[in-house]
């Protein structure tokens, strides 16, 4: 089944998962811990770019990141795409073929439509078996109708550069976090919700780091985000004692 969960009803991350995520990020600020560095390849960065373009396409279509980010990041569709992104460049074509979703990687708008179409069918279906509901819906129509969430979008693409830039940045950084720590989209969103990322971006563009190309600055951006997670967001948990709790330290400047 590839249906998306309603983010409001999505199963939260367990404390054990959060503990492992905390430990993966704690080494830079806690000398008692050792974490292996993940080598980021050009293929990884291409995947970040691909997801950035997907988020930008969603914004262009008229979807706010406040709504789109949790819907995408916590969806089963995203977890399926996580698998494809995790493949080597040589293997990805074969994996996509086996998953029967080649169109998703060619047209970002198709992926956005697929995500919302699946959500629409699943939310309205009375079937206990949601996969069966999707199969029936596909067999009953020549072309899937747009769900209500997309049917009411602006007829003209949104061209606000500041909004599009944020959307691209958000998708790119989310994917980099997934790659860096080998975590799923849902896990990364469980650590950094859209509100946290929006605040980080606002801080970033006011700083000298905002003048650096994203490809060259994303490693430092994620390092600072991870530091904030370890020290402030999860720092008061039993498995993560705060090193300091100065919330003002969380600025990408």
C-alpha atoms as a PDB file:
ATOM      1  CA  UNK A   1       0.000   0.000   0.000  1.00  0.00           C
ATOM      2  CA  UNK A   2       1.297   3.456  -0.852  1.00  0.00           C
ATOM      3  CA  UNK A   3      -1.393   5.582   0.766  1.00  0.00           C
ATOM      4  CA  UNK A   4      -0.327   8.623   2.752  1.00  0.00           C
ATOM      5  CA  UNK A   5      -1.167   9.057   6.380  1.00  0.00           C
ATOM      6  CA  UNK A   6      -3.016  12.109   7.600  1.00  0.00           C
ATOM      7  CA  UNK A   7      -0.167  14.008   9.324  1.00  0.00           C
ATOM      8  CA  UNK A   8      -2.476  14.815  12.237  1.00  0.00           C
ATOM      9  CA  UNK A   9      -3.000  11.086  12.767  1.00  0.00           C
ATOM     10  CA  UNK A  10       0.484   9.920  11.858  1.00  0.00           C
ATOM     11  CA  UNK A  11       2.067   7.582  14.378  1.00  0.00           C
ATOM     12  CA  UNK A  12       4.641   9.601  16.356  1.00  0.00           C
ATOM     13  CA  UNK A  13       8.255   8.531  16.559  1.00  0.00           C
ATOM     14  CA  UNK A  14       9.010   6.251  19.476  1.00  0.00           C
ATOM     15  CA  UNK A  15      11.392   7.371  22.202  1.00  0.00           C
ATOM     16  CA  UNK A  16      13.835   4.692  21.090  1.00  0.00           C
ATOM     17  CA  UNK A  17      13.857   6.037  17.523  1.00  0.00           C
ATOM     18  CA  UNK A  18      14.346   9.569  18.845  1.00  0.00           C
ATOM     19  CA  UNK A  19      17.166   8.354  21.074  1.00  0.00           C
ATOM     20  CA  UNK A  20      18.969   6.804  18.097  1.00  0.00           C
ATOM     21  CA  UNK A  21      18.445   9.973  16.052  1.00  0.00           C
ATOM     22  CA  UNK A  22      19.760  12.055  18.951  1.00  0.00           C
ATOM     23  CA  UNK A  23      22.850   9.875  19.247  1.00  0.00           C
ATOM     24  CA  UNK A  24      23.518  10.116  15.499  1.00  0.00           C
ATOM     25  CA  UNK A  25      23.766  13.885  15.883  1.00  0.00           C
ATOM     26  CA  UNK A  26      25.293  14.257  19.343  1.00  0.00           C
ATOM     27  CA  UNK A  27      28.931  13.504  18.531  1.00  0.00           C
ATOM     28  CA  UNK A  28      29.899  16.992  17.268  1.00  0.00           C
ATOM     29  CA  UNK A  29      28.842  18.589  20.562  1.00  0.00           C
ATOM     30  CA  UNK A  30      29.489  15.692  22.950  1.00  0.00           C
ATOM     31  CA  UNK A  31      33.081  14.393  22.906  1.00  0.00           C
ATOM     32  CA  UNK A  32      32.001  11.215  24.725  1.00  0.00           C
ATOM     33  CA  UNK A  33      30.194  10.045  21.583  1.00  0.00           C
ATOM     34  CA  UNK A  34      31.612   8.917  18.264  1.00  0.00           C
ATOM     35  CA  UNK A  35      29.609   8.940  15.038  1.00  0.00           C
ATOM     36  CA  UNK A  36      30.720   7.841  11.607  1.00  0.00           C
ATOM     37  CA  UNK A  37      30.649  10.530   8.957  1.00  0.00           C
ATOM     38  CA  UNK A  38      28.491   9.807   5.916  1.00  0.00           C
ATOM     39  CA  UNK A  39      30.231  10.558   2.635  1.00  0.00           C
ATOM     40  CA  UNK A  40      27.903  12.639   0.462  1.00  0.00           C
ATOM     41  CA  UNK A  41      28.177  11.836  -3.242  1.00  0.00           C
ATOM     42  CA  UNK A  42      27.189  13.786  -6.335  1.00  0.00           C
ATOM     43  CA  UNK A  43      24.310  11.318  -6.723  1.00  0.00           C
ATOM     44  CA  UNK A  44      23.114  12.220  -3.214  1.00  0.00           C
ATOM     45  CA  UNK A  45      23.174  15.915  -4.099  1.00  0.00           C
ATOM     46  CA  UNK A  46      21.255  15.198  -7.300  1.00  0.00           C
ATOM     47  CA  UNK A  47      18.581  13.548  -5.156  1.00  0.00           C
ATOM     48  CA  UNK A  48      18.477  16.640  -2.915  1.00  0.00           C
ATOM     49  CA  UNK A  49      18.022  18.786  -6.012  1.00  0.00           C
ATOM     50  CA  UNK A  50      15.238  16.505  -7.252  1.00  0.00           C
ATOM     51  CA  UNK A  51      13.325  16.808  -3.993  1.00  0.00           C
ATOM     52  CA  UNK A  52      13.922  20.561  -3.886  1.00  0.00           C
ATOM     53  CA  UNK A  53      12.330  20.817  -7.321  1.00  0.00           C
ATOM     54  CA  UNK A  54       9.400  18.693  -6.132  1.00  0.00           C
ATOM     55  CA  UNK A  55       8.713  21.036  -3.200  1.00  0.00           C
ATOM     56  CA  UNK A  56       9.111  24.074  -5.451  1.00  0.00           C
ATOM     57  CA  UNK A  57       6.620  22.574  -7.914  1.00  0.00           C
ATOM     58  CA  UNK A  58       4.112  22.076  -5.101  1.00  0.00           C
ATOM     59  CA  UNK A  59       4.517  25.716  -4.056  1.00  0.00           C
ATOM     60  CA  UNK A  60       4.180  26.850  -7.670  1.00  0.00           C
ATOM     61  CA  UNK A  61       0.916  24.908  -7.898  1.00  0.00           C
ATOM     62  CA  UNK A  62      -0.415  26.865  -4.913  1.00  0.00           C
ATOM     63  CA  UNK A  63       0.217  24.481  -2.008  1.00  0.00           C
ATOM     64  CA  UNK A  64       1.643  26.020   1.148  1.00  0.00           C
ATOM     65  CA  UNK A  65       4.654  24.311   2.657  1.00  0.00           C
ATOM     66  CA  UNK A  66       2.853  24.327   5.996  1.00  0.00           C
ATOM     67  CA  UNK A  67       0.357  21.882   4.444  1.00  0.00           C
ATOM     68  CA  UNK A  68       2.514  20.095   1.869  1.00  0.00           C
ATOM     69  CA  UNK A  69       5.623  19.321   3.928  1.00  0.00           C
ATOM     70  CA  UNK A  70       3.924  17.171   6.609  1.00  0.00           C
ATOM     71  CA  UNK A  71       1.644  15.557   4.038  1.00  0.00           C
ATOM     72  CA  UNK A  72       4.578  14.501   1.886  1.00  0.00           C
ATOM     73  CA  UNK A  73       7.181  13.756   4.549  1.00  0.00           C
ATOM     74  CA  UNK A  74       4.913  11.467   6.609  1.00  0.00           C
ATOM     75  CA  UNK A  75       3.385   9.664   3.619  1.00  0.00           C
ATOM     76  CA  UNK A  76       3.869   6.076   2.541  1.00  0.00           C
ATOM     77  CA  UNK A  77       4.574   7.485  -0.899  1.00  0.00           C
ATOM     78  CA  UNK A  78       7.575   9.364   0.497  1.00  0.00           C
ATOM     79  CA  UNK A  79       8.837   6.215   2.213  1.00  0.00           C
ATOM     80  CA  UNK A  80       8.659   4.398  -1.110  1.00  0.00           C
ATOM     81  CA  UNK A  81      10.622   7.210  -2.736  1.00  0.00           C
ATOM     82  CA  UNK A  82      13.129   7.084   0.156  1.00  0.00           C
ATOM     83  CA  UNK A  83      14.003   3.593  -1.075  1.00  0.00           C
ATOM     84  CA  UNK A  84      14.585   4.835  -4.607  1.00  0.00           C
ATOM     85  CA  UNK A  85      16.672   7.789  -3.447  1.00  0.00           C
ATOM     86  CA  UNK A  86      18.778   5.448  -1.313  1.00  0.00           C
ATOM     87  CA  UNK A  87      19.799   3.368  -4.326  1.00  0.00           C
ATOM     88  CA  UNK A  88      23.039   3.843  -6.158  1.00  0.00           C
ATOM     89  CA  UNK A  89      22.894   5.697  -9.442  1.00  0.00           C
ATOM     90  CA  UNK A  90      23.399   2.417 -11.302  1.00  0.00           C
ATOM     91  CA  UNK A  91      20.527   0.677  -9.520  1.00  0.00           C
ATOM     92  CA  UNK A  92      17.914   3.430  -9.451  1.00  0.00           C
ATOM     93  CA  UNK A  93      16.445   2.802 -12.921  1.00  0.00           C
ATOM     94  CA  UNK A  94      15.856  -0.865 -12.119  1.00  0.00           C
ATOM     95  CA  UNK A  95      14.269  -0.036  -8.766  1.00  0.00           C
ATOM     96  CA  UNK A  96      11.949   2.562 -10.280  1.00  0.00           C
ATOM     97  CA  UNK A  97      10.898   0.087 -12.963  1.00  0.00           C
ATOM     98  CA  UNK A  98      10.125  -2.544 -10.348  1.00  0.00           C
ATOM     99  CA  UNK A  99       8.105  -0.054  -8.312  1.00  0.00           C
ATOM    100  CA  UNK A 100       6.084   0.915 -11.409  1.00  0.00           C
ATOM    101  CA  UNK A 101       6.414   4.658 -10.805  1.00  0.00           C
ATOM    102  CA  UNK A 102       8.755   5.939 -13.525  1.00  0.00           C
ATOM    103  CA  UNK A 103       6.583   9.008 -14.172  1.00  0.00           C
ATOM    104  CA  UNK A 104       7.101  10.284 -10.648  1.00  0.00           C
ATOM    105  CA  UNK A 105      10.747  11.082 -11.330  1.00  0.00           C
ATOM    106  CA  UNK A 106      10.079  12.849 -14.624  1.00  0.00           C
ATOM    107  CA  UNK A 107       7.283  15.271 -13.732  1.00  0.00           C
ATOM    108  CA  UNK A 108       7.206  16.669 -10.173  1.00  0.00           C
ATOM    109  CA  UNK A 109       3.624  17.815 -10.690  1.00  0.00           C
ATOM    110  CA  UNK A 110       2.620  14.177 -11.293  1.00  0.00           C
ATOM    111  CA  UNK A 111       4.046  13.216  -7.918  1.00  0.00           C
ATOM    112  CA  UNK A 112       2.173  16.027  -6.180  1.00  0.00           C
ATOM    113  CA  UNK A 113      -1.065  15.018  -7.884  1.00  0.00           C
ATOM    114  CA  UNK A 114      -0.485  11.340  -7.028  1.00  0.00           C
ATOM    115  CA  UNK A 115       0.092  12.155  -3.368  1.00  0.00           C
ATOM    116  CA  UNK A 116      -3.117  14.155  -3.014  1.00  0.00           C
ATOM    117  CA  UNK A 117      -5.147  11.798  -5.191  1.00  0.00           C
ATOM    118  CA  UNK A 118      -4.171   8.856  -2.968  1.00  0.00           C
ATOM    119  CA  UNK A 119      -5.002  10.816   0.177  1.00  0.00           C
ATOM    120  CA  UNK A 120      -8.362  11.815  -1.269  1.00  0.00           C
ATOM    121  CA  UNK A 121      -9.340   8.255  -2.197  1.00  0.00           C
ATOM    122  CA  UNK A 122      -8.204   6.795   1.123  1.00  0.00           C
ATOM    123  CA  UNK A 123      -9.889   9.474   3.256  1.00  0.00           C
ATOM    124  CA  UNK A 124     -13.256   9.036   1.500  1.00  0.00           C
ATOM    125  CA  UNK A 125     -13.217   5.264   1.235  1.00  0.00           C
ATOM    126  CA  UNK A 126     -15.288   3.062   3.523  1.00  0.00           C
ATOM    127  CA  UNK A 127     -13.204   0.042   2.545  1.00  0.00           C
ATOM    128  CA  UNK A 128     -11.182  -1.496   5.353  1.00  0.00           C
ATOM    129  CA  UNK A 129      -8.583  -2.517   2.792  1.00  0.00           C
ATOM    130  CA  UNK A 130      -7.274   0.804   1.488  1.00  0.00           C
ATOM    131  CA  UNK A 131      -5.155  -0.831  -1.197  1.00  0.00           C
ATOM    132  CA  UNK A 132      -8.306  -2.409  -2.603  1.00  0.00           C
ATOM    133  CA  UNK A 133     -10.009   0.982  -2.536  1.00  0.00           C
ATOM    134  CA  UNK A 134      -7.205   2.449  -4.620  1.00  0.00           C
ATOM    135  CA  UNK A 135      -7.321  -0.453  -7.073  1.00  0.00           C
ATOM    136  CA  UNK A 136     -11.069   0.003  -7.528  1.00  0.00           C
ATOM    137  CA  UNK A 137     -10.712   3.749  -7.991  1.00  0.00           C
ATOM    138  CA  UNK A 138      -8.096   3.247 -10.685  1.00  0.00           C
ATOM    139  CA  UNK A 139     -10.151   0.633 -12.517  1.00  0.00           C
ATOM    140  CA  UNK A 140     -13.267   2.809 -12.547  1.00  0.00           C
ATOM    141  CA  UNK A 141     -11.778   5.774 -14.349  1.00  0.00           C
ATOM    142  CA  UNK A 142      -9.757   6.328 -17.478  1.00  0.00           C
ATOM    143  CA  UNK A 143      -7.884   9.207 -15.868  1.00  0.00           C
ATOM    144  CA  UNK A 144      -7.838   9.965 -12.130  1.00  0.00           C
ATOM    145  CA  UNK A 145      -9.734  13.144 -11.304  1.00  0.00           C
ATOM    146  CA  UNK A 146      -7.926  15.834  -9.384  1.00  0.00           C
ATOM    147  CA  UNK A 147      -8.700  15.755  -5.655  1.00  0.00           C
ATOM    148  CA  UNK A 148     -10.478  18.727  -4.114  1.00  0.00           C
ATOM    149  CA  UNK A 149      -7.231  19.947  -2.537  1.00  0.00           C
ATOM    150  CA  UNK A 150      -5.794  20.539  -6.016  1.00  0.00           C
ATOM    151  CA  UNK A 151      -8.949  21.454  -7.906  1.00  0.00           C
ATOM    152  CA  UNK A 152      -9.178  24.763  -6.026  1.00  0.00           C
ATOM    153  CA  UNK A 153      -5.569  25.820  -6.627  1.00  0.00           C
ATOM    154  CA  UNK A 154      -4.765  28.992  -8.591  1.00  0.00           C
ATOM    155  CA  UNK A 155      -4.983  28.598 -12.350  1.00  0.00           C
ATOM    156  CA  UNK A 156      -1.765  30.583 -12.744  1.00  0.00           C
ATOM    157  CA  UNK A 157       1.488  29.267 -11.226  1.00  0.00           C
ATOM    158  CA  UNK A 158       2.794  31.087  -8.165  1.00  0.00           C
ATOM    159  CA  UNK A 159       5.933  32.959  -9.161  1.00  0.00           C
ATOM    160  CA  UNK A 160       6.835  34.585  -5.838  1.00  0.00           C
ATOM    161  CA  UNK A 161      10.610  34.089  -5.802  1.00  0.00           C
ATOM    162  CA  UNK A 162      10.889  34.205  -2.016  1.00  0.00           C
ATOM    163  CA  UNK A 163       8.245  31.493  -1.571  1.00  0.00           C
ATOM    164  CA  UNK A 164       9.695  29.313  -4.315  1.00  0.00           C
ATOM    165  CA  UNK A 165      13.210  29.707  -2.894  1.00  0.00           C
ATOM    166  CA  UNK A 166      12.049  28.606   0.544  1.00  0.00           C
ATOM    167  CA  UNK A 167      10.207  25.600  -0.893  1.00  0.00           C
ATOM    168  CA  UNK A 168      13.281  24.475  -2.854  1.00  0.00           C
ATOM    169  CA  UNK A 169      15.502  24.957   0.204  1.00  0.00           C
ATOM    170  CA  UNK A 170      13.100  22.993   2.392  1.00  0.00           C
ATOM    171  CA  UNK A 171      12.914  19.979   0.085  1.00  0.00           C
ATOM    172  CA  UNK A 172      16.681  20.040  -0.508  1.00  0.00           C
ATOM    173  CA  UNK A 173      17.617  20.243   3.189  1.00  0.00           C
ATOM    174  CA  UNK A 174      15.090  17.591   4.216  1.00  0.00           C
ATOM    175  CA  UNK A 175      16.580  15.154   1.701  1.00  0.00           C
ATOM    176  CA  UNK A 176      20.145  15.996   2.789  1.00  0.00           C
ATOM    177  CA  UNK A 177      19.191  15.181   6.403  1.00  0.00           C
ATOM    178  CA  UNK A 178      17.753  11.849   5.221  1.00  0.00           C
ATOM    179  CA  UNK A 179      20.937  11.041   3.316  1.00  0.00           C
ATOM    180  CA  UNK A 180      23.336  12.299   5.976  1.00  0.00           C
ATOM    181  CA  UNK A 181      21.864  10.143   8.732  1.00  0.00           C
ATOM    182  CA  UNK A 182      20.318   7.419   6.548  1.00  0.00           C
ATOM    183  CA  UNK A 183      16.881   8.167   7.972  1.00  0.00           C
ATOM    184  CA  UNK A 184      13.398   8.095   6.458  1.00  0.00           C
ATOM    185  CA  UNK A 185      11.438  11.184   5.508  1.00  0.00           C
ATOM    186  CA  UNK A 186       9.040  10.557   8.382  1.00  0.00           C
ATOM    187  CA  UNK A 187      11.889  10.351  10.886  1.00  0.00           C
ATOM    188  CA  UNK A 188      13.433  13.591   9.659  1.00  0.00           C
ATOM    189  CA  UNK A 189      10.100  15.389   9.787  1.00  0.00           C
ATOM    190  CA  UNK A 190       9.627  14.019  13.307  1.00  0.00           C
ATOM    191  CA  UNK A 191      12.797  15.889  14.258  1.00  0.00           C
ATOM    192  CA  UNK A 192      12.282  19.062  12.230  1.00  0.00           C
ATOM    193  CA  UNK A 193       8.701  20.094  11.546  1.00  0.00           C
ATOM    194  CA  UNK A 194       7.917  22.749   8.954  1.00  0.00           C
ATOM    195  CA  UNK A 195       7.607  25.542  11.533  1.00  0.00           C
ATOM    196  CA  UNK A 196      11.114  24.830  12.823  1.00  0.00           C
ATOM    197  CA  UNK A 197      12.498  24.787   9.288  1.00  0.00           C
ATOM    198  CA  UNK A 198      10.692  27.999   8.350  1.00  0.00           C
ATOM    199  CA  UNK A 199      12.274  29.749  11.339  1.00  0.00           C
ATOM    200  CA  UNK A 200      15.675  28.331  10.387  1.00  0.00           C
ATOM    201  CA  UNK A 201      15.311  29.627   6.831  1.00  0.00           C
ATOM    202  CA  UNK A 202      14.303  33.096   8.049  1.00  0.00           C
ATOM    203  CA  UNK A 203      17.440  33.146  10.203  1.00  0.00           C
ATOM    204  CA  UNK A 204      19.567  31.835   7.354  1.00  0.00           C
ATOM    205  CA  UNK A 205      18.656  34.487   4.790  1.00  0.00           C
ATOM    206  CA  UNK A 206      19.588  37.219   7.272  1.00  0.00           C
ATOM    207  CA  UNK A 207      23.047  35.716   7.733  1.00  0.00           C
ATOM    208  CA  UNK A 208      26.231  35.548   5.615  1.00  0.00           C
ATOM    209  CA  UNK A 209      25.515  31.832   5.107  1.00  0.00           C
ATOM    210  CA  UNK A 210      22.473  32.865   3.095  1.00  0.00           C
ATOM    211  CA  UNK A 211      24.782  34.255   0.413  1.00  0.00           C
ATOM    212  CA  UNK A 212      26.460  30.883  -0.173  1.00  0.00           C
ATOM    213  CA  UNK A 213      25.184  28.436  -2.806  1.00  0.00           C
ATOM    214  CA  UNK A 214      22.988  25.803  -1.176  1.00  0.00           C
ATOM    215  CA  UNK A 215      25.109  22.966  -2.532  1.00  0.00           C
ATOM    216  CA  UNK A 216      28.115  24.434  -0.707  1.00  0.00           C
ATOM    217  CA  UNK A 217      26.318  25.474   2.484  1.00  0.00           C
ATOM    218  CA  UNK A 218      23.895  22.586   3.128  1.00  0.00           C
ATOM    219  CA  UNK A 219      26.404  20.594   5.197  1.00  0.00           C
ATOM    220  CA  UNK A 220      26.866  23.524   7.593  1.00  0.00           C
ATOM    221  CA  UNK A 221      23.116  24.226   7.643  1.00  0.00           C
ATOM    222  CA  UNK A 222      22.398  20.648   8.669  1.00  0.00           C
ATOM    223  CA  UNK A 223      25.191  20.675  11.230  1.00  0.00           C
ATOM    224  CA  UNK A 224      23.575  23.678  12.915  1.00  0.00           C
ATOM    225  CA  UNK A 225      20.104  22.189  12.679  1.00  0.00           C
ATOM    226  CA  UNK A 226      21.396  18.974  14.249  1.00  0.00           C
ATOM    227  CA  UNK A 227      23.129  20.938  16.987  1.00  0.00           C
ATOM    228  CA  UNK A 228      19.842  22.690  17.768  1.00  0.00           C
ATOM    229  CA  UNK A 229      18.032  19.350  17.899  1.00  0.00           C
ATOM    230  CA  UNK A 230      20.571  17.884  20.319  1.00  0.00           C
ATOM    231  CA  UNK A 231      20.870  20.896  22.576  1.00  0.00           C
ATOM    232  CA  UNK A 232      17.435  22.462  22.574  1.00  0.00           C
ATOM    233  CA  UNK A 233      14.582  20.524  20.968  1.00  0.00           C
ATOM    234  CA  UNK A 234      15.323  17.113  22.489  1.00  0.00           C
ATOM    235  CA  UNK A 235      17.871  18.216  25.068  1.00  0.00           C
ATOM    236  CA  UNK A 236      15.534  17.866  28.045  1.00  0.00           C
ATOM    237  CA  UNK A 237      14.654  14.239  27.329  1.00  0.00           C
ATOM    238  CA  UNK A 238      15.956  11.416  29.553  1.00  0.00           C
ATOM    239  CA  UNK A 239      18.215  10.207  26.742  1.00  0.00           C
ATOM    240  CA  UNK A 240      19.526  13.657  25.891  1.00  0.00           C
ATOM    241  CA  UNK A 241      20.800  15.980  28.612  1.00  0.00           C
ATOM    242  CA  UNK A 242      21.055  19.581  27.389  1.00  0.00           C
ATOM    243  CA  UNK A 243      24.566  20.885  26.931  1.00  0.00           C
ATOM    244  CA  UNK A 244      23.133  24.365  27.117  1.00  0.00           C
ATOM    245  CA  UNK A 245      19.562  25.579  26.696  1.00  0.00           C
ATOM    246  CA  UNK A 246      20.084  29.050  25.283  1.00  0.00           C
ATOM    247  CA  UNK A 247      17.384  29.145  22.613  1.00  0.00           C
ATOM    248  CA  UNK A 248      19.029  32.241  21.162  1.00  0.00           C
ATOM    249  CA  UNK A 249      21.889  29.978  20.065  1.00  0.00           C
ATOM    250  CA  UNK A 250      19.591  28.646  17.369  1.00  0.00           C
ATOM    251  CA  UNK A 251      20.349  30.953  14.487  1.00  0.00           C
ATOM    252  CA  UNK A 252      21.945  30.046  11.206  1.00  0.00           C
ATOM    253  CA  UNK A 253      24.123  33.119  11.349  1.00  0.00           C
END
